[in-house]
N, C-alpha and C. Protein backbone atom coordinates (compact mmCIF):
# COMPACT_ATOMS: atom_id res chain seq x y z
N MET A 1 0.80 -1.55 -0.34
CA MET A 1 0.04 -0.23 0.16
C MET A 1 0.99 1.13 -0.14
N LYS A 2 0.69 1.81 -0.68
CA LYS A 2 1.55 3.20 -0.91
C LYS A 2 1.11 4.33 -0.06
N ALA A 3 1.79 5.60 0.41
CA ALA A 3 1.15 6.52 1.13
C ALA A 3 1.49 7.75 0.33
N ALA A 4 0.49 8.44 0.40
CA ALA A 4 0.70 9.91 -0.69
C ALA A 4 0.85 11.08 0.65
N TYR A 5 1.90 11.93 -0.05
CA TYR A 5 2.32 12.96 0.23
C TYR A 5 2.16 14.24 -0.44
N GLN A 6 1.86 15.45 -0.27
CA GLN A 6 1.46 16.28 -0.77
C GLN A 6 3.03 17.04 -0.84
N LYS A 7 3.54 17.37 -2.62
CA LYS A 7 4.66 17.46 -2.67
C LYS A 7 4.98 19.11 -2.26
N GLU A 8 4.35 20.06 -2.11
CA GLU A 8 4.49 21.51 -1.87
C GLU A 8 3.04 21.74 -1.87
N GLY A 9 2.84 23.05 -1.24
CA GLY A 9 1.42 23.68 -0.46
C GLY A 9 1.05 24.40 -2.10
N LEU A 10 -0.46 24.51 -2.24
CA LEU A 10 -0.98 24.72 -3.49
C LEU A 10 -1.00 26.53 -3.38
N LEU A 11 -0.38 27.11 -4.66
CA LEU A 11 -0.84 28.45 -4.81
C LEU A 11 -1.98 28.77 -5.61
N ILE A 12 -2.82 29.48 -4.96
CA ILE A 12 -4.32 29.77 -5.12
C ILE A 12 -4.31 31.21 -5.37
N VAL A 13 -4.33 31.35 -7.08
CA VAL A 13 -4.45 33.13 -7.33
C VAL A 13 -6.08 33.46 -7.82
N VAL A 14 -6.54 34.37 -6.87
CA VAL A 14 -7.77 34.94 -7.38
C VAL A 14 -7.77 36.76 -7.63
N SER A 15 -8.19 36.40 -8.81
CA SER A 15 -8.27 37.79 -9.66
C SER A 15 -9.55 37.93 -10.45
N GLY A 16 -9.55 39.36 -10.99
CA GLY A 16 -10.66 39.73 -11.48
C GLY A 16 -10.62 41.54 -11.82
N PRO A 17 -11.82 42.09 -12.53
CA PRO A 17 -11.48 43.16 -12.47
C PRO A 17 -11.81 44.01 -10.84
N SER A 18 -11.45 45.26 -11.02
CA SER A 18 -11.64 45.80 -9.57
C SER A 18 -12.89 46.40 -9.47
N GLY A 19 -13.74 46.04 -8.44
CA GLY A 19 -15.12 46.23 -7.70
C GLY A 19 -15.55 44.92 -8.14
N VAL A 20 -14.99 43.55 -8.55
CA VAL A 20 -16.14 42.42 -8.61
C VAL A 20 -15.92 41.99 -7.33
N GLY A 21 -15.38 42.13 -6.37
CA GLY A 21 -15.40 41.52 -5.21
C GLY A 21 -14.36 41.02 -4.51
N LYS A 22 -13.29 40.89 -5.12
CA LYS A 22 -12.29 40.10 -4.46
C LYS A 22 -11.81 39.81 -2.94
N GLY A 23 -11.92 41.09 -2.58
CA GLY A 23 -11.55 41.21 -1.24
C GLY A 23 -12.60 40.61 -0.40
N THR A 24 -13.93 40.88 -1.00
CA THR A 24 -14.99 40.18 -0.03
C THR A 24 -15.02 38.72 -0.11
N VAL A 25 -14.66 38.28 -1.20
CA VAL A 25 -14.90 36.56 -1.64
C VAL A 25 -13.57 36.15 -0.59
N CYS A 26 -12.49 36.56 -0.97
CA CYS A 26 -11.28 36.09 -0.11
C CYS A 26 -11.30 36.05 1.24
N SER A 27 -12.08 37.16 1.82
CA SER A 27 -11.82 37.38 3.48
C SER A 27 -13.15 36.16 3.72
N ALA A 28 -14.13 36.13 2.99
CA ALA A 28 -15.15 35.14 3.29
C ALA A 28 -14.48 33.76 3.12
N LEU A 29 -13.65 33.48 2.18
CA LEU A 29 -13.01 32.10 1.82
C LEU A 29 -12.01 31.68 3.21
N ARG A 30 -11.08 32.72 3.37
CA ARG A 30 -10.36 32.28 4.59
C ARG A 30 -11.14 32.20 5.97
N LYS A 31 -12.08 32.62 6.14
CA LYS A 31 -12.95 32.32 7.14
C LYS A 31 -13.48 30.95 7.35
N ARG A 32 -13.79 30.34 6.15
CA ARG A 32 -14.17 29.19 5.87
C ARG A 32 -13.21 28.22 5.66
N MET A 33 -12.07 28.78 5.33
CA MET A 33 -10.62 27.57 5.37
C MET A 33 -9.76 28.25 5.93
N PRO A 34 -9.48 28.45 7.20
CA PRO A 34 -8.63 28.98 8.20
C PRO A 34 -7.12 28.36 7.96
N GLU A 35 -7.09 27.51 7.55
CA GLU A 35 -5.75 27.09 7.18
C GLU A 35 -4.95 27.56 6.35
N LEU A 36 -5.89 28.19 5.45
CA LEU A 36 -5.18 28.94 4.15
C LEU A 36 -4.28 30.12 4.71
N THR A 37 -3.13 30.12 4.22
CA THR A 37 -2.28 31.40 4.42
C THR A 37 -2.54 32.76 3.28
N TYR A 38 -2.57 33.55 3.83
CA TYR A 38 -2.70 34.94 3.02
C TYR A 38 -1.60 35.78 2.53
N SER A 39 -1.46 36.05 1.30
CA SER A 39 -0.46 36.84 0.98
C SER A 39 -0.74 38.33 0.69
N VAL A 40 0.20 38.97 1.63
CA VAL A 40 -0.55 40.59 1.75
C VAL A 40 0.74 41.13 0.98
N SER A 41 -0.52 41.85 -0.16
CA SER A 41 0.49 42.50 -1.12
C SER A 41 0.67 43.92 -0.54
N ALA A 42 1.93 44.79 -1.24
CA ALA A 42 2.16 45.51 -1.28
C ALA A 42 1.63 46.86 -2.35
N THR A 43 1.37 48.03 -1.87
CA THR A 43 0.70 48.85 -2.67
C THR A 43 1.09 50.45 -2.33
N THR A 44 0.82 51.66 -3.70
CA THR A 44 1.18 52.60 -3.38
C THR A 44 -0.12 53.42 -3.00
N ARG A 45 -1.46 52.92 -3.12
CA ARG A 45 -2.73 53.55 -3.23
C ARG A 45 -2.79 53.86 -1.61
N ALA A 46 -3.44 54.71 -1.15
CA ALA A 46 -3.94 55.09 -0.08
C ALA A 46 -4.93 54.29 0.79
N PRO A 47 -4.53 54.09 2.15
CA PRO A 47 -5.57 53.18 2.62
C PRO A 47 -7.09 53.55 2.59
N ARG A 48 -8.27 52.39 2.31
CA ARG A 48 -9.33 52.68 2.46
C ARG A 48 -9.50 52.76 4.14
N GLU A 49 -11.45 53.06 4.29
CA GLU A 49 -11.33 52.92 5.86
C GLU A 49 -11.44 51.70 6.27
N GLY A 50 -10.80 51.31 7.45
CA GLY A 50 -10.54 50.11 7.99
C GLY A 50 -9.68 48.99 7.53
N GLU A 51 -8.94 49.46 6.67
CA GLU A 51 -7.53 48.69 6.14
C GLU A 51 -6.64 48.73 7.01
N LYS A 52 -6.00 47.79 7.31
CA LYS A 52 -4.80 48.26 8.30
C LYS A 52 -3.20 47.60 7.67
N GLU A 53 -2.17 48.46 8.02
CA GLU A 53 -1.05 47.95 7.66
C GLU A 53 -0.75 46.37 8.09
N GLY A 54 -0.04 45.68 6.83
CA GLY A 54 0.29 44.62 7.46
C GLY A 54 -0.90 43.37 7.47
N VAL A 55 -2.06 43.74 7.00
CA VAL A 55 -3.46 43.05 7.15
C VAL A 55 -3.94 42.72 6.01
N ASN A 56 -4.21 44.03 5.43
CA ASN A 56 -5.02 44.32 4.06
C ASN A 56 -3.84 44.36 3.22
N TYR A 57 -2.65 45.39 3.48
CA TYR A 57 -1.47 45.56 2.47
C TYR A 57 -0.54 46.15 3.54
N PHE A 58 0.50 46.01 2.75
CA PHE A 58 1.17 46.99 3.10
C PHE A 58 1.68 48.19 2.15
N PHE A 59 1.68 49.31 2.86
CA PHE A 59 1.43 50.52 2.17
C PHE A 59 2.70 51.00 1.89
N LYS A 60 3.08 51.45 0.72
CA LYS A 60 4.37 51.82 0.61
C LYS A 60 4.27 53.16 -0.24
N THR A 61 5.44 54.22 -0.13
CA THR A 61 5.22 55.38 -0.92
C THR A 61 6.15 54.80 -2.29
N VAL A 62 6.03 55.60 -3.16
CA VAL A 62 6.19 55.16 -4.64
C VAL A 62 7.80 54.88 -4.74
N PRO A 63 8.77 55.74 -4.00
CA PRO A 63 10.24 55.31 -4.17
C PRO A 63 10.43 53.65 -3.21
N GLU A 64 9.70 53.69 -2.01
CA GLU A 64 9.84 52.42 -1.67
C GLU A 64 9.36 51.25 -2.44
N PHE A 65 8.51 51.54 -3.07
CA PHE A 65 8.11 50.30 -3.90
C PHE A 65 9.01 50.09 -5.39
N LYS A 66 9.39 51.22 -5.82
CA LYS A 66 10.43 50.83 -6.91
C LYS A 66 11.64 50.54 -6.23
N LYS A 67 12.12 50.67 -5.37
CA LYS A 67 13.04 49.96 -4.39
C LYS A 67 12.86 48.76 -4.66
N MET A 68 11.74 48.24 -4.28
CA MET A 68 11.42 46.92 -4.14
C MET A 68 11.21 46.17 -5.63
N ILE A 69 11.22 46.96 -6.68
CA ILE A 69 11.21 46.02 -7.82
C ILE A 69 12.74 46.09 -8.23
N GLU A 70 13.54 46.99 -7.72
CA GLU A 70 14.98 47.13 -8.61
C GLU A 70 15.65 45.85 -7.69
N ASN A 71 15.18 45.25 -6.49
CA ASN A 71 15.94 44.69 -5.61
C ASN A 71 15.05 42.89 -5.78
N ASP A 72 14.39 43.03 -6.99
CA ASP A 72 13.71 41.89 -7.44
C ASP A 72 13.02 41.36 -6.06
N GLU A 73 12.44 41.94 -5.18
CA GLU A 73 11.95 41.33 -4.01
C GLU A 73 10.29 41.39 -4.33
N LEU A 74 9.72 41.35 -5.66
CA LEU A 74 8.34 41.22 -5.78
C LEU A 74 8.37 39.75 -6.73
N ILE A 75 7.08 39.09 -6.78
CA ILE A 75 7.10 37.85 -7.88
C ILE A 75 6.31 38.62 -8.98
N GLU A 76 5.56 39.57 -8.58
CA GLU A 76 4.89 40.21 -9.69
C GLU A 76 4.48 41.52 -9.20
N TRP A 77 4.17 42.76 -10.29
CA TRP A 77 3.89 43.96 -9.94
C TRP A 77 3.19 44.87 -11.01
N ALA A 78 2.40 45.31 -10.69
CA ALA A 78 1.52 46.29 -11.94
C ALA A 78 1.36 47.54 -11.46
N GLN A 79 1.06 48.72 -12.46
CA GLN A 79 0.40 49.83 -12.17
C GLN A 79 -0.62 49.77 -12.69
N TYR A 80 -2.04 50.11 -11.59
CA TYR A 80 -3.30 49.87 -11.99
C TYR A 80 -3.89 51.60 -11.62
N VAL A 81 -4.54 51.94 -12.43
CA VAL A 81 -5.07 53.30 -12.37
C VAL A 81 -4.40 54.21 -11.28
N GLY A 82 -3.31 54.28 -11.75
CA GLY A 82 -2.32 55.41 -10.95
C GLY A 82 -1.42 54.66 -9.88
N ASN A 83 -1.81 53.67 -9.48
CA ASN A 83 -0.92 53.06 -8.32
C ASN A 83 -0.45 51.98 -8.54
N TYR A 84 0.59 51.61 -7.76
CA TYR A 84 1.34 50.43 -7.94
C TYR A 84 1.06 49.24 -6.91
N TYR A 85 0.86 48.04 -7.64
CA TYR A 85 0.55 46.89 -6.40
C TYR A 85 1.55 45.70 -6.77
N GLY A 86 1.82 44.86 -5.38
CA GLY A 86 3.15 44.04 -6.03
C GLY A 86 3.10 42.69 -4.67
N THR A 87 3.34 41.67 -5.22
CA THR A 87 3.29 40.53 -4.14
C THR A 87 4.87 40.22 -3.66
N PRO A 88 4.75 40.55 -2.47
CA PRO A 88 6.32 39.92 -1.97
C PRO A 88 6.77 38.73 -2.17
N ARG A 89 8.34 38.47 -2.49
CA ARG A 89 8.57 36.79 -3.18
C ARG A 89 8.87 36.27 -2.12
N ARG A 90 9.60 36.31 -0.84
CA ARG A 90 10.16 35.73 -0.42
C ARG A 90 9.10 34.59 0.57
N PHE A 91 8.12 35.22 0.97
CA PHE A 91 6.89 34.98 2.01
C PHE A 91 6.19 33.73 1.19
N VAL A 92 6.00 34.04 -0.28
CA VAL A 92 5.40 33.25 -0.63
C VAL A 92 6.44 32.01 -1.52
N GLU A 93 7.83 31.86 -1.46
CA GLU A 93 7.73 30.97 -1.77
C GLU A 93 8.49 29.92 -0.65
N GLU A 94 8.70 30.69 0.65
CA GLU A 94 8.97 29.77 1.87
C GLU A 94 7.39 29.14 2.41
N THR A 95 6.30 29.85 2.11
CA THR A 95 5.11 29.28 2.65
C THR A 95 4.79 27.72 1.70
N LEU A 96 5.03 28.02 0.44
CA LEU A 96 4.61 27.02 -0.49
C LEU A 96 5.67 25.66 -0.49
N LYS A 97 6.98 26.35 0.17
CA LYS A 97 8.14 24.94 0.47
C LYS A 97 7.51 24.15 1.79
N GLU A 98 6.94 25.06 2.66
CA GLU A 98 6.52 24.36 3.95
C GLU A 98 5.34 23.27 4.15
N GLY A 99 4.65 23.40 2.70
CA GLY A 99 3.33 22.63 2.16
C GLY A 99 2.18 23.24 2.72
N LYS A 100 2.37 24.70 2.82
CA LYS A 100 0.91 25.18 3.18
C LYS A 100 0.58 25.82 1.94
N ASP A 101 -1.20 25.96 2.14
CA ASP A 101 -1.65 26.54 0.67
C ASP A 101 -1.75 28.17 0.98
N ILE A 102 -1.37 28.99 -0.23
CA ILE A 102 -1.50 30.17 0.23
C ILE A 102 -2.03 30.94 -1.03
N LEU A 103 -2.85 31.98 -0.38
CA LEU A 103 -3.96 32.88 -1.24
C LEU A 103 -3.51 34.02 -2.18
N LEU A 104 -3.12 34.30 -3.11
CA LEU A 104 -2.99 35.42 -3.62
C LEU A 104 -4.28 36.22 -4.34
N GLU A 105 -4.72 37.27 -3.46
CA GLU A 105 -5.91 38.39 -4.16
C GLU A 105 -5.08 39.65 -4.70
N ILE A 106 -4.88 39.42 -6.56
CA ILE A 106 -4.26 40.28 -6.87
C ILE A 106 -4.88 40.48 -8.54
N GLU A 107 -4.63 41.86 -8.81
CA GLU A 107 -5.19 42.44 -10.22
C GLU A 107 -4.98 41.36 -11.34
N VAL A 108 -5.52 41.61 -12.63
CA VAL A 108 -5.20 40.64 -13.54
C VAL A 108 -3.61 40.73 -14.06
N GLN A 109 -3.38 42.03 -14.22
CA GLN A 109 -2.05 41.85 -14.80
C GLN A 109 -0.82 41.19 -14.10
N GLY A 110 -1.08 41.30 -12.96
CA GLY A 110 -0.13 40.65 -11.75
C GLY A 110 -0.34 39.16 -11.88
N ALA A 111 -1.42 38.67 -12.14
CA ALA A 111 -2.09 37.17 -12.05
C ALA A 111 -1.31 36.63 -13.09
N LEU A 112 -0.87 37.50 -14.31
CA LEU A 112 -0.33 36.75 -15.54
C LEU A 112 1.06 36.81 -15.39
N GLN A 113 1.47 37.64 -14.74
CA GLN A 113 2.83 37.53 -14.54
C GLN A 113 3.24 36.22 -13.31
N VAL A 114 2.17 36.03 -12.10
CA VAL A 114 2.64 34.71 -11.32
C VAL A 114 2.37 33.63 -12.37
N LYS A 115 1.76 33.70 -13.70
CA LYS A 115 1.32 32.48 -13.83
C LYS A 115 2.82 31.84 -14.57
N GLN A 116 3.61 32.96 -15.00
CA GLN A 116 4.96 32.99 -15.67
C GLN A 116 5.96 32.16 -14.69
N ARG A 117 6.08 32.27 -13.54
CA ARG A 117 6.79 32.19 -12.42
C ARG A 117 6.29 30.73 -11.69
N PHE A 118 5.06 30.87 -11.58
CA PHE A 118 4.47 29.46 -11.06
C PHE A 118 3.51 28.89 -11.74
N PRO A 119 3.62 28.15 -12.86
CA PRO A 119 2.52 27.65 -13.79
C PRO A 119 2.02 26.60 -13.32
N ASP A 120 2.39 26.15 -12.45
CA ASP A 120 1.35 24.98 -11.34
C ASP A 120 0.69 25.57 -10.33
N GLY A 121 0.25 26.83 -10.82
CA GLY A 121 -0.73 27.60 -9.76
C GLY A 121 -2.28 27.34 -10.13
N ILE A 122 -2.91 27.50 -9.44
CA ILE A 122 -4.37 27.47 -9.57
C ILE A 122 -4.80 28.79 -9.78
N PHE A 123 -5.34 28.94 -11.01
CA PHE A 123 -5.49 30.68 -11.46
C PHE A 123 -7.28 31.02 -11.35
N VAL A 124 -7.59 31.81 -10.84
CA VAL A 124 -9.24 31.76 -10.84
C VAL A 124 -9.97 32.95 -10.86
N PHE A 125 -10.82 33.22 -12.08
CA PHE A 125 -11.00 34.57 -12.34
C PHE A 125 -12.37 34.63 -12.02
N LEU A 126 -12.35 35.93 -11.13
CA LEU A 126 -13.79 35.98 -10.48
C LEU A 126 -14.66 37.08 -11.47
N LEU A 127 -15.55 36.82 -12.08
CA LEU A 127 -16.47 37.46 -12.70
C LEU A 127 -17.56 38.12 -12.05
N PRO A 128 -18.06 39.39 -12.21
CA PRO A 128 -19.46 40.20 -11.80
C PRO A 128 -20.86 39.20 -12.70
N PRO A 129 -21.67 39.11 -11.99
CA PRO A 129 -22.80 38.79 -12.89
C PRO A 129 -23.09 39.35 -13.98
N THR A 130 -23.08 41.00 -14.05
CA THR A 130 -23.21 41.50 -15.31
C THR A 130 -22.48 42.64 -15.18
N MET A 131 -21.97 43.34 -16.15
CA MET A 131 -21.14 45.05 -16.10
C MET A 131 -21.85 45.71 -15.37
N GLU A 132 -23.13 45.81 -15.57
CA GLU A 132 -24.35 47.01 -14.67
C GLU A 132 -23.79 46.72 -13.28
N GLU A 133 -23.84 45.45 -12.83
CA GLU A 133 -23.33 45.12 -11.36
C GLU A 133 -21.84 45.63 -10.81
N LEU A 134 -21.32 45.30 -12.08
CA LEU A 134 -19.83 45.62 -11.58
C LEU A 134 -19.86 47.17 -11.40
N LYS A 135 -20.42 48.12 -12.30
CA LYS A 135 -20.46 49.54 -12.07
C LYS A 135 -20.93 49.75 -10.63
N LYS A 136 -22.36 49.25 -10.10
CA LYS A 136 -23.20 49.57 -9.08
C LYS A 136 -22.03 49.38 -7.94
N ARG A 137 -21.34 48.14 -7.98
CA ARG A 137 -20.24 47.93 -6.82
C ARG A 137 -19.08 48.83 -6.33
N ILE A 138 -18.44 49.32 -7.96
CA ILE A 138 -17.59 50.54 -7.74
C ILE A 138 -17.96 52.08 -7.30
N LEU A 139 -19.08 52.08 -7.59
CA LEU A 139 -20.09 53.45 -6.97
C LEU A 139 -20.37 53.24 -5.65
N TYR A 140 -20.52 51.83 -5.23
CA TYR A 140 -21.19 51.66 -3.69
C TYR A 140 -19.77 52.19 -2.96
N ARG A 141 -18.82 51.99 -3.15
CA ARG A 141 -17.33 52.27 -2.58
C ARG A 141 -17.69 53.61 -2.45
N GLY A 142 -17.74 54.65 -3.22
CA GLY A 142 -18.21 55.90 -2.65
C GLY A 142 -16.76 56.60 -3.25
N THR A 143 -15.68 55.96 -3.51
CA THR A 143 -14.55 56.89 -3.62
C THR A 143 -13.94 57.15 -4.81
N GLU A 144 -14.84 56.60 -5.60
CA GLU A 144 -14.53 56.91 -7.39
C GLU A 144 -14.93 58.49 -7.72
N THR A 145 -14.50 59.43 -8.38
CA THR A 145 -15.00 60.31 -9.29
C THR A 145 -15.65 59.72 -10.76
N GLU A 146 -16.23 60.47 -11.46
CA GLU A 146 -16.69 60.11 -12.52
C GLU A 146 -15.38 59.57 -13.66
N GLU A 147 -14.71 60.24 -13.83
CA GLU A 147 -13.47 60.02 -14.49
C GLU A 147 -12.63 58.74 -14.19
N SER A 148 -12.38 58.22 -12.90
CA SER A 148 -11.74 57.10 -12.25
C SER A 148 -12.78 55.93 -12.28
N LEU A 149 -14.01 56.18 -12.09
CA LEU A 149 -15.45 55.18 -12.93
C LEU A 149 -14.87 54.48 -14.26
N ALA A 150 -14.82 55.52 -14.77
CA ALA A 150 -14.81 55.51 -16.44
C ALA A 150 -13.61 54.79 -16.87
N SER A 151 -12.20 55.18 -15.90
CA SER A 151 -11.14 54.42 -16.19
C SER A 151 -11.37 52.60 -15.69
N ARG A 152 -11.90 52.39 -14.94
CA ARG A 152 -11.84 51.22 -13.80
C ARG A 152 -12.56 50.30 -14.93
N LEU A 153 -13.90 50.96 -15.48
CA LEU A 153 -14.73 49.89 -16.39
C LEU A 153 -13.72 50.00 -17.81
N GLY A 154 -13.33 50.77 -18.01
CA GLY A 154 -12.45 50.27 -19.59
C GLY A 154 -11.37 49.62 -19.30
N VAL A 155 -10.74 49.56 -18.03
CA VAL A 155 -9.62 48.51 -17.89
C VAL A 155 -10.23 46.92 -17.78
N ALA A 156 -11.69 46.98 -17.31
CA ALA A 156 -12.24 45.83 -16.61
C ALA A 156 -12.81 45.12 -18.26
N GLU A 157 -12.91 45.91 -19.09
CA GLU A 157 -13.46 45.17 -20.45
C GLU A 157 -12.06 44.37 -20.85
N ASP A 158 -11.15 45.29 -20.85
CA ASP A 158 -9.66 44.60 -21.21
C ASP A 158 -9.48 43.44 -20.54
N GLU A 159 -9.64 43.60 -19.26
CA GLU A 159 -9.22 42.49 -18.34
C GLU A 159 -9.94 41.29 -18.73
N PHE A 160 -11.41 41.48 -19.31
CA PHE A 160 -12.16 40.07 -19.59
C PHE A 160 -11.57 39.21 -20.90
N LYS A 161 -10.59 39.86 -21.95
CA LYS A 161 -10.12 38.98 -22.81
C LYS A 161 -8.76 38.59 -22.15
N HIS A 162 -8.52 38.12 -20.78
CA HIS A 162 -7.53 37.29 -20.38
C HIS A 162 -7.82 36.33 -19.78
N ILE A 163 -9.43 36.11 -19.71
CA ILE A 163 -10.07 35.06 -19.11
C ILE A 163 -9.08 33.58 -19.28
N HIS A 164 -8.78 33.22 -20.84
CA HIS A 164 -8.45 32.37 -21.40
C HIS A 164 -7.27 31.64 -20.30
N HIS A 165 -6.26 32.92 -20.14
CA HIS A 165 -5.10 32.71 -19.34
C HIS A 165 -5.45 31.87 -18.06
N TYR A 166 -6.67 31.74 -17.61
CA TYR A 166 -7.16 31.00 -16.31
C TYR A 166 -7.57 29.70 -16.35
N ASP A 167 -7.30 28.97 -15.34
CA ASP A 167 -7.95 27.50 -14.77
C ASP A 167 -9.53 27.71 -14.98
N TYR A 168 -9.89 28.40 -14.03
CA TYR A 168 -11.40 28.52 -13.60
C TYR A 168 -11.99 29.75 -13.92
N VAL A 169 -13.40 29.88 -13.64
CA VAL A 169 -14.13 31.11 -13.52
C VAL A 169 -15.08 30.75 -12.66
N VAL A 170 -15.02 31.82 -11.63
CA VAL A 170 -16.10 31.93 -10.66
C VAL A 170 -17.18 33.02 -11.05
N ILE A 171 -18.45 33.18 -11.20
CA ILE A 171 -19.37 34.32 -11.12
C ILE A 171 -19.35 34.59 -9.70
N ASN A 172 -19.14 36.01 -9.18
CA ASN A 172 -19.64 36.10 -7.66
C ASN A 172 -20.84 36.76 -7.95
N ASP A 173 -22.10 36.39 -7.83
CA ASP A 173 -23.39 36.73 -7.74
C ASP A 173 -23.47 36.72 -5.99
N VAL A 174 -23.45 35.47 -5.53
CA VAL A 174 -23.61 35.48 -3.70
C VAL A 174 -22.20 35.37 -3.32
N VAL A 175 -21.95 35.90 -2.47
CA VAL A 175 -20.57 35.60 -1.89
C VAL A 175 -20.17 34.23 -1.30
N GLU A 176 -21.16 33.87 -0.57
CA GLU A 176 -20.93 32.27 -0.21
C GLU A 176 -21.07 31.33 -0.86
N GLN A 177 -21.68 31.53 -2.17
CA GLN A 177 -21.69 30.44 -3.36
C GLN A 177 -20.36 30.68 -3.89
N ALA A 178 -20.06 31.61 -4.22
CA ALA A 178 -18.40 32.13 -4.53
C ALA A 178 -17.58 31.31 -4.42
N CYS A 179 -17.40 31.02 -2.57
CA CYS A 179 -16.50 30.74 -1.66
C CYS A 179 -16.82 29.30 -1.87
N GLU A 180 -17.90 28.76 -2.05
CA GLU A 180 -18.15 27.17 -1.93
C GLU A 180 -17.54 26.73 -3.46
N ARG A 181 -17.78 27.34 -4.59
CA ARG A 181 -16.90 27.11 -5.71
C ARG A 181 -15.46 27.28 -5.59
N ILE A 182 -14.97 28.09 -4.87
CA ILE A 182 -13.75 27.69 -5.05
C ILE A 182 -12.89 26.98 -4.02
N GLN A 183 -13.83 26.84 -2.73
CA GLN A 183 -13.37 25.81 -2.03
C GLN A 183 -13.01 24.20 -2.44
N ALA A 184 -14.52 24.19 -3.70
CA ALA A 184 -14.59 22.89 -4.46
C ALA A 184 -13.62 22.82 -5.34
N ILE A 185 -13.04 23.82 -5.83
CA ILE A 185 -11.84 23.77 -6.97
C ILE A 185 -10.12 23.04 -6.05
N ILE A 186 -10.27 24.11 -4.42
CA ILE A 186 -8.90 23.40 -3.94
C ILE A 186 -9.19 22.23 -3.62
N THR A 187 -9.98 21.74 -3.07
CA THR A 187 -10.30 20.45 -2.69
C THR A 187 -9.86 19.23 -3.94
N ALA A 188 -10.72 19.89 -5.34
CA ALA A 188 -10.31 18.93 -6.50
C ALA A 188 -9.00 19.10 -6.73
N GLU A 189 -8.01 19.87 -6.70
CA GLU A 189 -6.75 20.09 -6.95
C GLU A 189 -5.69 19.59 -6.06
N HIS A 190 -6.19 19.46 -5.01
CA HIS A 190 -5.45 18.46 -3.89
C HIS A 190 -5.65 17.16 -4.23
N CYS A 191 -6.57 16.36 -4.90
CA CYS A 191 -6.57 15.45 -5.21
C CYS A 191 -6.21 14.63 -6.47
N ARG A 192 -5.18 15.92 -7.33
CA ARG A 192 -4.66 15.55 -8.62
C ARG A 192 -3.77 14.79 -8.48
N LYS A 193 -3.81 13.95 -9.08
CA LYS A 193 -2.26 12.59 -8.80
C LYS A 193 -0.90 12.97 -9.08
N ASP A 194 -0.87 14.36 -10.12
CA ASP A 194 0.64 14.97 -10.09
C ASP A 194 0.66 15.55 -9.03
N ARG A 195 0.15 16.19 -8.15
CA ARG A 195 0.40 16.89 -7.36
C ARG A 195 1.16 16.11 -5.99
N LEU A 196 0.85 14.82 -6.08
CA LEU A 196 1.02 13.94 -4.77
C LEU A 196 2.30 13.17 -5.20
N ILE A 197 3.11 12.67 -4.09
CA ILE A 197 4.16 11.99 -4.01
C ILE A 197 4.05 10.54 -3.46
N LEU A 198 3.95 9.33 -4.33
CA LEU A 198 3.27 8.29 -3.55
C LEU A 198 4.57 7.58 -3.28
N SER A 199 4.45 6.97 -2.02
CA SER A 199 5.91 5.90 -1.35
C SER A 199 5.42 4.83 -0.61
N ASP A 200 6.30 3.83 -0.65
CA ASP A 200 5.73 2.69 0.14
C ASP A 200 5.87 2.91 1.76
């Protein structure tokens, strides 16, 4: 009888257009799956109400962020609607080697970079039920000008064209249902034979 061991942790990447609810879904997913390690991204955008340093993001100045790029400290980074976003490298690599699953909640540009470095990752594209619903969700934040709203919706249209780079598509109509779908994906991926080491 052979015993099966996981080679290393799974890298789960959840991305999609701004306003689709990535943060809400990932927060709910972490409550359902406390064993998931959350990768905290770095950003140069200002904190939103309730966001905490080192919990939601590492908030950086533009010079600090550019230094991280120069020192190859990020596995991905992107400039999005005037701000920089990126994922610190060391934490991700060490977590995977320890056999722990890690969750990345990132923009589409960044997800495509991560796929080049980590082709075995699990890439999930989160979709809104409709474009009108996406617009409502962005407006609900109360942080957008008419100009920035138009910019975000235009970027979203372009990002939809990259769906074919992803392994899975999940529609975020009801948060709990979206979480159930992603949890099912993770469970199935853990059962794939090519992710296991079989030994006597």
